């Protein structure tokens, strides 16, 4: 068969983004946000550089350590998602999850979590966000995909308690927060080098 004559309309297109709705209730989201209290804050300073490898960013980041119950709950969804949608060989979390706080004016420019130039023995395969804030209490902070990819996030991805999972090579940005505060839990899932 000539590849130019192949009927591509018969292919099944898989979604790039996977959402698990309401994996945490609002009181659980509040408890996760309180985990920042005893952890060191890393202030990500404003960075106006537009180079994709150093995106414009400014927010507060907290590493959430020693929360195995939290990680175990999330991993169940990660492995389910990977089996159903992506099929990567994955090992688990690259590092402890991080709690990111966006205050008014905070943003994160286009970035992908996969470093194609890394000499590490593994690659980030999947990236995840758990939305902890009630979206009625802040304005802005939308997640957008690089327009070159021709895809967009599903509606209602950022409802409080939702888990969003996507391949780490997809570049996204987080628009400036206009009002209030937005907190998300984020993590990367790693596995052997992509081939």
Protein backbone atom coordinates (compact mmCIF):
# COMPACT_ATOMS: atom_id res chain seq x y z
CA UNK A 1 0.00 0.00 0.00
CA UNK A 2 1.22 3.48 -0.79
CA UNK A 3 1.53 5.41 2.48
CA UNK A 4 0.15 8.48 0.71
CA UNK A 5 -3.14 6.61 0.15
CA UNK A 6 -3.56 5.55 3.78
CA UNK A 7 -6.85 6.61 5.37
CA UNK A 8 -5.73 8.47 8.48
CA UNK A 9 -9.32 9.23 9.48
CA UNK A 10 -9.69 5.64 10.71
CA UNK A 11 -6.95 6.05 13.31
CA UNK A 12 -7.95 6.37 16.96
CA UNK A 13 -6.54 9.57 18.39
CA UNK A 14 -5.66 9.42 22.07
CA UNK A 15 -5.99 12.47 24.24
CA UNK A 16 -2.79 14.19 25.28
CA UNK A 17 -4.15 15.24 28.69
CA UNK A 18 -5.73 12.98 31.26
CA UNK A 19 -7.87 14.29 34.09
CA UNK A 20 -8.89 12.40 37.19
CA UNK A 21 -11.62 14.54 38.75
CA UNK A 22 -11.80 15.30 42.46
CA UNK A 23 -9.16 12.87 43.72
CA UNK A 24 -8.99 15.08 46.82
CA UNK A 25 -11.93 16.77 48.60
CA UNK A 26 -11.66 20.45 49.50
CA UNK A 27 -10.69 19.70 53.12
CA UNK A 28 -7.93 17.36 51.88
CA UNK A 29 -6.69 20.10 49.53
CA UNK A 30 -6.50 22.48 52.50
CA UNK A 31 -4.49 19.90 54.49
CA UNK A 32 -2.02 19.52 51.61
CA UNK A 33 -1.60 23.30 51.44
CA UNK A 34 -0.78 23.35 55.15
CA UNK A 35 2.15 20.98 54.56
CA UNK A 36 4.15 23.98 53.40
CA UNK A 37 4.32 25.34 56.95
CA UNK A 38 7.30 23.26 58.04
CA UNK A 39 9.10 23.21 54.71
CA UNK A 40 11.69 25.51 53.20
CA UNK A 41 10.37 28.04 50.69
CA UNK A 42 12.19 28.48 47.42
CA UNK A 43 11.32 31.85 45.93
CA UNK A 44 11.58 31.63 42.18
CA UNK A 45 12.70 35.13 41.26
CA UNK A 46 11.19 36.96 38.29
CA UNK A 47 13.04 35.91 35.16
CA UNK A 48 12.30 37.95 31.99
CA UNK A 49 14.37 35.70 29.68
CA UNK A 50 12.30 34.29 26.79
CA UNK A 51 14.67 31.42 25.96
CA UNK A 52 12.50 28.24 26.16
CA UNK A 53 15.13 26.56 28.35
CA UNK A 54 14.83 29.38 30.93
CA UNK A 55 11.15 30.40 30.92
CA UNK A 56 9.83 33.54 32.51
CA UNK A 57 8.83 32.54 36.02
CA UNK A 58 8.13 33.82 39.49
CA UNK A 59 6.36 31.85 42.20
CA UNK A 60 6.99 30.17 45.54
CA UNK A 61 7.88 26.48 45.63
CA UNK A 62 7.81 24.14 48.62
CA UNK A 63 9.12 20.56 48.61
CA UNK A 64 6.65 18.24 50.34
CA UNK A 65 8.72 15.53 52.04
CA UNK A 66 7.80 12.39 53.98
CA UNK A 67 4.20 12.22 52.79
CA UNK A 68 4.07 8.60 51.65
CA UNK A 69 0.27 8.34 51.92
CA UNK A 70 -0.06 11.27 49.54
CA UNK A 71 2.47 9.85 47.07
CA UNK A 72 0.91 6.38 47.20
CA UNK A 73 -2.53 7.76 46.41
CA UNK A 74 -1.24 9.76 43.45
CA UNK A 75 0.87 6.85 42.13
CA UNK A 76 -2.23 4.67 41.78
CA UNK A 77 -3.64 7.20 39.32
CA UNK A 78 -0.30 7.61 37.55
CA UNK A 79 0.11 3.91 36.86
CA UNK A 80 -3.54 3.58 35.80
CA UNK A 81 -3.19 6.56 33.45
CA UNK A 82 0.07 5.30 31.96
CA UNK A 83 -1.39 1.84 31.33
CA UNK A 84 -4.52 3.21 29.69
CA UNK A 85 -3.10 6.11 27.69
CA UNK A 86 0.65 6.39 27.33
CA UNK A 87 2.44 3.07 27.70
CA UNK A 88 5.76 4.44 28.94
CA UNK A 89 8.17 2.41 31.00
CA UNK A 90 8.06 4.33 34.27
CA UNK A 91 9.63 3.94 37.71
CA UNK A 92 7.99 6.53 39.95
CA UNK A 93 8.52 10.06 41.25
CA UNK A 94 11.70 11.84 40.22
CA UNK A 95 11.67 13.89 43.43
CA UNK A 96 9.24 14.65 46.22
CA UNK A 97 6.16 16.54 44.99
CA UNK A 98 6.35 20.33 45.16
CA UNK A 99 3.67 22.72 46.30
CA UNK A 100 3.69 25.82 44.11
CA UNK A 101 2.02 29.05 45.21
CA UNK A 102 1.10 31.75 42.69
CA UNK A 103 0.33 35.17 44.12
CA UNK A 104 -0.94 38.12 42.10
CA UNK A 105 1.41 38.73 39.14
CA UNK A 106 3.11 35.30 39.36
CA UNK A 107 3.46 33.31 36.15
CA UNK A 108 5.45 30.52 34.51
CA UNK A 109 6.40 30.89 30.82
CA UNK A 110 6.37 28.12 28.22
CA UNK A 111 8.41 25.17 29.44
CA UNK A 112 8.54 21.42 29.11
CA UNK A 113 9.69 19.23 31.98
CA UNK A 114 11.67 16.87 29.75
CA UNK A 115 15.30 17.90 29.29
CA UNK A 116 16.25 16.49 25.90
CA UNK A 117 19.91 17.38 26.51
CA UNK A 118 20.26 15.67 29.88
CA UNK A 119 23.09 13.22 30.53
CA UNK A 120 21.03 11.50 33.24
CA UNK A 121 20.27 7.78 32.94
CA UNK A 122 16.53 8.51 32.99
CA UNK A 123 14.00 10.91 31.50
CA UNK A 124 10.90 12.60 32.80
CA UNK A 125 8.02 10.79 31.12
CA UNK A 126 4.90 12.24 32.75
CA UNK A 127 4.11 15.48 34.55
CA UNK A 128 1.22 15.96 36.94
CA UNK A 129 -0.58 18.77 38.72
CA UNK A 130 -3.15 18.54 41.49
CA UNK A 131 -5.24 21.72 41.68
CA UNK A 132 -5.64 22.62 45.34
CA UNK A 133 -7.33 26.03 45.20
CA UNK A 134 -10.98 26.80 44.60
CA UNK A 135 -10.93 28.50 41.21
CA UNK A 136 -13.74 30.83 42.35
CA UNK A 137 -11.23 32.44 44.73
CA UNK A 138 -8.64 33.52 42.16
CA UNK A 139 -8.52 34.98 38.67
CA UNK A 140 -6.03 34.19 35.91
CA UNK A 141 -3.45 31.42 36.17
CA UNK A 142 -4.75 29.52 33.13
CA UNK A 143 -2.63 26.66 31.79
CA UNK A 144 -1.98 26.97 28.04
CA UNK A 145 -0.26 24.62 25.59
CA UNK A 146 2.27 25.91 23.06
CA UNK A 147 0.12 26.74 19.99
CA UNK A 148 2.58 24.89 17.73
CA UNK A 149 1.18 21.64 19.14
CA UNK A 150 -2.36 22.37 18.00
CA UNK A 151 -3.93 20.97 21.18
CA UNK A 152 -5.60 22.48 24.19
CA UNK A 153 -6.51 21.46 27.69
CA UNK A 154 -9.97 20.04 28.34
CA UNK A 155 -12.58 22.23 30.02
CA UNK A 156 -12.71 22.16 33.79
CA UNK A 157 -9.15 20.79 34.10
CA UNK A 158 -8.47 23.13 37.03
CA UNK A 159 -11.37 22.26 39.32
CA UNK A 160 -10.27 21.94 42.95
CA UNK A 161 -9.03 18.42 43.68
CA UNK A 162 -8.49 17.45 40.01
CA UNK A 163 -5.35 15.61 38.92
CA UNK A 164 -4.01 16.57 35.48
CA UNK A 165 -1.44 14.25 33.84
CA UNK A 166 0.34 14.74 30.51
CA UNK A 167 3.59 13.76 28.73
CA UNK A 168 6.52 15.80 30.04
CA UNK A 169 7.67 16.89 26.58
CA UNK A 170 4.51 18.98 26.00
CA UNK A 171 5.35 22.67 26.59
CA UNK A 172 2.86 24.59 28.68
CA UNK A 173 2.73 27.97 30.35
CA UNK A 174 0.81 29.31 33.32
CA UNK A 175 -0.66 32.74 32.68
CA UNK A 176 -0.12 35.52 35.24
CA UNK A 177 -2.38 35.35 38.26
CA UNK A 178 -4.56 38.46 38.27
CA UNK A 179 -6.18 38.19 41.67
CA UNK A 180 -6.11 35.96 44.77
CA UNK A 181 -3.74 33.02 45.21
CA UNK A 182 -3.50 29.67 43.42
CA UNK A 183 -1.78 26.59 44.79
CA UNK A 184 -0.97 23.42 42.87
CA UNK A 185 0.92 20.27 43.76
CA UNK A 186 3.25 19.20 40.97
CA UNK A 187 5.56 16.28 40.25
CA UNK A 188 7.41 14.44 37.50
CA UNK A 189 7.38 10.70 36.82
CA UNK A 190 10.59 9.19 35.43
CA UNK A 191 11.68 6.08 33.62
CA UNK A 192 14.46 4.87 31.33
CA UNK A 193 15.75 7.22 28.64
CA UNK A 194 13.38 7.79 25.74
CA UNK A 195 14.54 6.05 22.59
